[in-house]
């Protein structure tokens, strides 16, 4: 019961209601599974045990030096005899060290319909889904449809499910996607006992929105993608509630905490990739209006500032390195935020250098080393990862982050002592 309390009865009730609704969709057609509606059913998933060790003394009170727990994710895919399908993917994490990292999420729960429009095709997804935009390695700059599940990994690439209507129209000319989004998801944050958090604790009970509709504001987005010879391009627009909250210093009784505030923003995005032989040249760029920065005005409020940001880089792959089956990819990227030192993220002016070695063996063994270097400060983040399948069902993932020489003015200063080594053992079914 303690675990259920940490997850939240309201969230579990919502998940159960969505599951019941989607499972009942086949019955709404007047057919039953035994009448042939469900032509194909597949269940896949993973169970993961995780341990993280933080060697350095914590920078903030009550933080722990060790955390362990488990995660479970399963996907149920059902398809009828006309190709219509339902996908349901619930997720659960339990963390013994940080109760705020214990959470449940409905990653996917959507009905997929499709058809033809002349020589073109259309596809409609109704429900909860995840959408991934972008091409670069260092940070998901243009990717804005789904909320970041920040407690999962500091790389900000794990996404939560988002209720949406998602219509795609595609042909030889490319693909146009239209989105209607509501039911805004709040970003997750580590709690008082967790690492990789700001100094003052983020109090999600104090969450507020610029829109009077709050989390139910109707957000709109659109994206065009096309290929022109060796060039792939994506153009996107988003208008609605920001996925990145401004964290406002607030007194809760006698304690200073951070209250998430979600503004209304408009974002224009570009992502493109040029493929030429072993080279991949990549660019992501955005212009965002309505967001805030970290500069306080005379009323001790953060200033609103329209800004542009980009990530540009290249990836070069050496195939059959050392006359083996292995491939070595060398990656270099430059991330720049127009707000400079007042940017609300750690990528105000940084360079990423990385090397990824894939052995292309039966176990899918992969090694990755990277360094993120600030061009404005002395800050440096080192990352090393190792992935390998141990058998058809078991796999191992080891990762480590080291925060070195983090400058006091850097947005990463609060996590300066949060270097860690993490080990995940996964069972896949």
Foldseek 3Di string as FASTA:
>chain_A
DVLCVLAPPVVVVVLVVLVVVLVCVVVVVVDDVVNQFFVDKDKKWKKKKKKKAFPFDAPAPQADRIKIWMKIKMWIWTAGPVGKIWIWIKMFIDMPQFSLLGYIATAGTWIKDKDDDVQKIKIKIFFWYADADADDDQARDVRWPFAFQCSVDVSSPDTGIFGWIWMWIDDQFFIKIKIKGAQADAHGATAPHHAPHFRAGEDAVQEEEPDPVTRGDIKIKMKTWDDDPQKIKMKMKIWFKGSDFDFAFDDDPNGTHTYTYIYTKIKIKMWMWGDDPQKIWIKIKMWMATDFWQDADPVRDTHGDTWMKMKTWMKGKDQCPPVARKIKIWIKIWIDIRVALRHLDQRNTKMKTKMKMFRPDPFRWIKMWMKIQHPVFRKIKIKIWIKTHPDPFKIKIKMWIAIPRDDPSGSSVSNNSRTMIMIMIMGID
